[in-house]
Protein backbone atom coordinates (compact mmCIF):
# COMPACT_ATOMS: atom_id res chain seq x y z
CA MET A 1 12.92 -109.82 -46.41
CA TRP A 2 15.01 -112.28 -48.15
CA THR A 3 13.98 -114.38 -51.11
CA ALA A 4 15.37 -117.83 -51.84
CA HIS A 5 17.00 -118.88 -54.91
CA PHE A 6 19.24 -121.82 -56.44
CA VAL A 7 22.07 -121.50 -58.72
CA THR A 8 24.20 -124.45 -60.37
CA VAL A 9 27.73 -123.60 -60.57
CA ASN A 10 30.09 -126.02 -61.87
CA GLY A 11 27.58 -128.78 -61.19
CA MET A 12 27.04 -127.95 -57.63
CA ARG A 13 23.56 -126.36 -56.79
CA ILE A 14 24.10 -123.25 -54.20
CA HIS A 15 21.16 -122.00 -51.99
CA TYR A 16 21.17 -118.41 -51.59
CA LEU A 17 19.19 -115.46 -50.08
CA ARG A 18 19.04 -112.33 -51.68
CA THR A 19 17.39 -108.72 -50.69
CA GLY A 20 17.08 -107.79 -54.29
CA GLY A 21 16.70 -103.99 -55.17
CA SER A 22 18.53 -101.24 -57.20
CA GLY A 23 21.62 -101.00 -54.84
CA PRO A 24 24.88 -102.21 -55.75
CA PRO A 25 25.57 -106.00 -54.91
CA LEU A 26 26.92 -106.68 -51.71
CA LEU A 27 27.89 -110.66 -51.42
CA LEU A 28 28.41 -112.02 -47.98
CA ALA A 29 30.22 -115.22 -46.80
CA HIS A 30 29.17 -117.09 -43.40
CA GLY A 31 31.54 -118.51 -41.16
CA GLY A 32 31.97 -122.25 -40.61
CA THR A 33 28.87 -124.68 -39.92
CA ALA A 34 26.41 -121.32 -40.16
CA ASN A 35 24.36 -120.20 -43.52
CA GLY A 36 23.42 -117.69 -45.21
CA ARG A 37 20.70 -116.38 -42.61
CA SER A 38 23.60 -115.56 -40.17
CA TRP A 39 23.43 -112.38 -42.17
CA THR A 40 19.82 -111.53 -41.71
CA ARG A 41 20.55 -108.96 -39.27
CA VAL A 42 23.01 -106.93 -41.43
CA ALA A 43 21.23 -107.32 -44.38
CA THR A 44 18.19 -105.78 -42.98
CA ALA A 45 19.91 -102.86 -41.76
CA LEU A 46 21.49 -102.47 -45.48
CA ALA A 47 18.97 -103.65 -47.71
CA ASP A 48 18.11 -99.91 -48.56
CA THR A 49 21.03 -99.00 -50.13
CA PHE A 50 22.60 -102.61 -51.19
CA ASP A 51 21.14 -105.63 -52.74
CA VAL A 52 22.40 -108.14 -50.22
CA ILE A 53 23.50 -111.76 -51.36
CA ALA A 54 24.17 -114.54 -48.91
CA PRO A 55 24.99 -118.06 -50.37
CA ASP A 56 25.14 -121.37 -48.25
CA ALA A 57 28.76 -122.51 -48.89
CA ARG A 58 29.21 -126.08 -49.73
CA GLY A 59 28.42 -128.41 -47.21
CA HIS A 60 26.33 -125.97 -45.39
CA GLY A 61 22.62 -125.18 -45.42
CA LEU A 62 20.80 -126.03 -48.05
CA THR A 63 23.84 -126.17 -50.79
CA ASP A 64 25.30 -129.33 -52.42
CA ALA A 65 28.12 -131.13 -50.55
CA PRO A 66 29.98 -132.45 -53.01
CA ALA A 67 33.27 -135.06 -52.83
CA GLY A 68 36.48 -133.50 -52.82
CA ASP A 69 38.66 -130.46 -51.64
CA TYR A 70 36.99 -128.33 -49.12
CA SER A 71 39.77 -125.62 -48.95
CA PHE A 72 40.00 -121.88 -48.80
CA VAL A 73 40.62 -122.13 -52.42
CA THR A 74 38.07 -124.15 -53.38
CA LEU A 75 35.50 -122.14 -51.57
CA GLY A 76 37.02 -118.82 -52.92
CA ASN A 77 36.38 -120.62 -56.36
CA ASP A 78 32.85 -121.48 -55.55
CA LEU A 79 32.22 -117.60 -55.05
CA ALA A 80 33.83 -116.45 -58.21
CA GLY A 81 31.59 -118.99 -60.06
CA PHE A 82 28.71 -117.71 -58.03
CA ILE A 83 29.43 -114.32 -58.68
CA GLN A 84 29.82 -114.96 -62.58
CA ALA A 85 26.49 -117.06 -62.77
CA LEU A 86 24.28 -114.52 -61.27
CA GLY A 87 26.17 -111.72 -63.31
CA LEU A 88 27.11 -109.75 -60.51
CA ASP A 89 29.01 -106.55 -61.91
CA HIS A 90 32.23 -105.93 -59.31
CA PRO A 91 30.19 -106.84 -56.21
CA ILE A 92 31.42 -105.61 -52.88
CA VAL A 93 32.17 -109.10 -51.07
CA GLY A 94 32.39 -109.77 -47.36
CA GLY A 95 32.74 -112.40 -45.07
CA ALA A 96 33.13 -113.48 -41.19
CA SER A 97 35.66 -116.09 -39.59
CA LEU A 98 36.16 -118.88 -42.41
CA GLY A 99 34.04 -116.83 -44.94
CA ALA A 100 36.56 -114.20 -44.34
CA ASN A 101 39.34 -116.17 -45.33
CA THR A 102 37.30 -117.45 -48.19
CA VAL A 103 37.11 -113.88 -49.39
CA LEU A 104 40.82 -113.13 -48.94
CA SER A 105 41.09 -116.42 -51.49
CA LEU A 106 38.59 -115.10 -53.78
CA VAL A 107 40.23 -111.55 -54.19
CA THR A 108 43.55 -112.89 -54.57
CA ASP A 109 42.89 -115.36 -57.10
CA HIS A 110 40.49 -113.58 -58.91
CA GLN A 111 41.67 -109.99 -58.66
CA ASP A 112 39.21 -108.22 -61.02
CA ILE A 113 36.17 -109.46 -59.39
CA ALA A 114 35.21 -107.59 -56.73
CA ARG A 115 35.45 -103.68 -56.12
CA ALA A 116 36.23 -104.09 -52.30
CA ALA A 117 36.12 -106.77 -49.37
CA VAL A 118 35.67 -107.20 -45.82
CA LEU A 119 37.35 -109.68 -43.57
CA GLU A 120 35.36 -109.82 -40.17
CA ASP A 121 37.74 -111.64 -37.95
CA PRO A 122 39.42 -114.02 -40.11
CA ILE A 123 42.08 -116.95 -39.09
CA PHE A 124 44.98 -114.39 -38.83
CA PHE A 125 47.69 -115.39 -36.31
CA LEU A 126 51.46 -114.39 -36.06
CA GLN A 127 52.61 -118.15 -36.51
CA SER A 128 53.52 -120.05 -39.42
CA PRO A 129 51.18 -121.38 -42.00
CA GLU A 130 51.98 -125.26 -40.82
CA ALA A 131 50.96 -123.97 -37.21
CA THR A 132 47.79 -122.18 -38.43
CA GLN A 133 46.79 -125.51 -40.39
CA ASN A 134 46.85 -127.58 -37.29
CA TRP A 135 45.18 -125.06 -35.43
CA ILE A 136 42.28 -125.37 -38.07
CA ALA A 137 42.35 -128.94 -37.95
CA THR A 138 42.02 -128.93 -34.20
CA ALA A 139 39.19 -126.46 -34.31
CA LEU A 140 37.54 -128.65 -37.06
CA ALA A 141 37.48 -131.46 -34.70
CA SER A 142 36.34 -129.62 -31.90
CA LEU A 143 33.20 -128.49 -34.28
CA ARG A 144 32.58 -131.83 -35.74
CA ALA A 145 32.22 -133.17 -32.24
CA GLU A 146 29.84 -130.51 -31.07
CA ALA A 147 27.90 -130.96 -34.53
CA ARG A 148 27.61 -134.41 -33.44
CA MET A 149 26.38 -133.87 -30.04
CA LEU A 150 23.75 -131.14 -31.14
CA ALA A 151 22.49 -133.43 -33.51
CA THR A 152 21.37 -135.46 -30.59
CA LEU A 153 19.32 -132.71 -28.79
CA GLY A 154 16.97 -131.52 -31.39
CA ARG A 155 16.50 -127.98 -32.74
CA ASP A 156 14.58 -126.58 -29.66
CA ALA A 157 17.11 -127.85 -27.23
CA ILE A 158 20.08 -126.30 -29.19
CA VAL A 159 18.22 -122.87 -29.16
CA GLU A 160 17.85 -123.08 -25.17
CA ARG A 161 21.65 -124.13 -25.18
CA PHE A 162 22.63 -121.20 -27.47
CA ARG A 163 20.18 -118.97 -25.67
CA LEU A 164 22.44 -119.41 -22.40
CA SER A 165 25.66 -118.30 -24.20
CA ASN A 166 24.21 -115.70 -26.36
CA PRO A 167 21.16 -114.14 -24.10
CA HIS A 168 21.34 -110.96 -26.03
CA TRP A 169 20.64 -112.87 -29.52
CA SER A 170 17.01 -112.51 -30.85
CA ASP A 171 14.89 -115.64 -30.83
CA ALA A 172 15.38 -115.41 -34.67
CA GLU A 173 18.82 -115.34 -34.55
CA LEU A 174 18.97 -118.43 -32.10
CA GLU A 175 16.67 -120.73 -34.15
CA ASP A 176 18.58 -119.61 -37.47
CA ALA A 177 21.93 -120.73 -35.48
CA ALA A 178 20.58 -123.95 -34.37
CA THR A 179 19.17 -124.84 -37.99
CA ALA A 180 22.59 -124.14 -39.41
CA LYS A 181 24.31 -126.41 -36.96
CA LEU A 182 22.22 -128.98 -37.86
CA GLN A 183 22.35 -128.66 -41.87
CA VAL A 184 26.02 -128.85 -41.87
CA ARG A 185 27.49 -132.14 -43.44
CA ASP A 186 30.38 -134.12 -41.98
CA ILE A 187 32.28 -133.79 -45.01
CA PHE A 188 32.90 -130.43 -44.27
CA PHE A 189 34.93 -131.44 -41.40
CA THR A 190 36.69 -134.36 -42.62
CA THR A 191 37.96 -133.07 -46.29
CA PHE A 192 39.12 -129.49 -45.25
CA LYS A 193 42.56 -129.15 -45.93
CA ASP A 194 44.37 -125.72 -45.95
CA ARG A 195 48.19 -124.24 -45.82
CA PHE A 196 46.97 -120.80 -45.37
CA ASP A 197 49.79 -118.12 -45.65
CA TRP A 198 47.63 -115.19 -45.25
CA GLN A 199 50.35 -112.29 -45.22
CA ALA A 200 51.32 -113.48 -48.61
CA LEU A 201 47.96 -113.50 -49.84
CA LEU A 202 47.34 -110.12 -48.17
CA GLY A 203 50.44 -108.63 -50.09
CA GLN A 204 48.35 -109.73 -53.32
CA VAL A 205 45.17 -107.74 -52.45
CA ARG A 206 44.88 -104.62 -54.54
CA CYS A 207 41.25 -103.83 -53.86
CA PRO A 208 40.04 -101.76 -50.98
CA THR A 209 39.84 -103.82 -47.93
CA LEU A 210 38.53 -103.19 -44.31
CA LEU A 211 39.51 -105.53 -41.74
CA VAL A 212 37.00 -106.01 -38.66
CA THR A 213 38.54 -107.12 -35.22
CA GLY A 214 37.20 -107.75 -32.03
CA ASP A 215 38.54 -108.44 -28.55
CA PRO A 216 40.80 -111.44 -28.11
CA ASP A 217 40.06 -111.21 -24.35
CA ARG A 218 36.44 -112.07 -25.53
CA GLY A 219 37.50 -114.93 -28.08
CA ALA A 220 38.27 -112.70 -31.36
CA LEU A 221 41.06 -114.14 -33.27
CA VAL A 222 42.90 -111.13 -34.67
CA THR A 223 45.45 -109.51 -32.41
CA ALA A 224 46.28 -105.69 -32.66
CA GLU A 225 49.73 -107.00 -33.41
CA ALA A 226 48.33 -109.23 -36.07
CA ALA A 227 46.10 -106.19 -37.66
CA ASP A 228 49.48 -103.96 -37.89
CA VAL A 229 51.12 -106.72 -39.79
CA ALA A 230 47.95 -107.15 -41.99
CA LYS A 231 48.12 -103.16 -42.62
CA ARG A 232 51.93 -103.46 -43.47
CA CYS A 233 50.82 -106.75 -46.07
CA CYS A 234 48.30 -104.65 -47.74
CA PRO A 235 48.35 -101.09 -48.26
CA THR A 236 44.83 -100.71 -49.46
CA LEU A 237 43.93 -102.16 -46.04
CA LYS A 238 41.62 -100.32 -43.24
CA VAL A 239 41.12 -101.64 -39.65
CA ALA A 240 37.90 -101.12 -37.70
CA ASN A 241 38.38 -102.48 -34.12
CA ILE A 242 34.95 -103.24 -32.42
CA PRO A 243 35.65 -103.06 -28.71
CA ASP A 244 34.31 -106.06 -26.36
CA ALA A 245 33.35 -107.80 -29.41
CA SER A 246 33.75 -111.80 -29.71
CA HIS A 247 34.81 -113.61 -32.54
CA ASN A 248 31.15 -113.31 -33.80
CA VAL A 249 31.83 -109.38 -34.05
CA ASN A 250 28.54 -108.48 -35.96
CA SER A 251 26.22 -110.44 -33.85
CA ASP A 252 27.84 -109.65 -30.58
CA GLN A 253 28.18 -105.60 -30.86
CA PHE A 254 26.09 -104.88 -33.80
CA ASP A 255 25.25 -101.23 -32.74
CA GLN A 256 29.24 -100.70 -33.30
CA TYR A 257 29.60 -102.93 -36.23
CA LEU A 258 27.11 -101.35 -38.32
CA PRO A 259 28.50 -97.70 -38.65
CA ALA A 260 31.85 -99.14 -38.89
CA MET A 261 30.40 -101.31 -41.78
CA ARG A 262 28.54 -98.49 -43.45
CA ASN A 263 31.37 -95.98 -43.00
CA PHE A 264 33.62 -98.25 -45.33
CA LEU A 265 30.52 -99.44 -47.66
CA SER A 266 29.71 -95.72 -48.47
CA ARG A 267 33.43 -95.10 -49.58
CA VAL A 268 33.68 -97.82 -52.02
CA SER A 269 30.24 -98.31 -53.37
């Protein structure tokens, strides 16, 4: 289904996957330590109506890992350059986890670039931006330790390890996730600095936006209270809560996630 490509943006080679077709462009940004293939199941379901495009973020997958800043602003600017390099005309942009925060940065700093946005379980905490920054730093340290440990196991052992914690994932999903973990470069963990004031950023968003939330009791980040704050900050934002979903909403509860996604996309495409 996918075809693989590279494009150079501001001197950085970005690897991306694309379904092609005559439908409107749908650009999807993956989460931290994943890569574009994390969207394969979603892309397969939507390829009949959308040209789905999934780049690897800097330091991830097969994209370059240049020195410098790895903040949400930088990642959002990467997406803006990517959109311009491919000549995409007002794509719908979506992201999961770190990718959702990246998309929020994109549509805030480049307000005319996207026709709509989807934010899947972003890092929206009801605490100060400084506290969120500290949480991100702690999470990155944990992810770095995990990446180093997984690198000692090898791909097949990682697949089996992931299978135990995600028994409903397909073999392809498990294999793609294992490969992505081995591809992420250490610079991502050590240079990611951000003071992320999501409430202030949401107040600047003008395009239709869907916030996809899961179940905090199962590890999802966005609480019902935070979702209510998000709606107050951004009048164009709608919320789709997916019951029993973990932080990996679309992988965990795909059959519930897809109708919510299709409903939103049908209204904005």
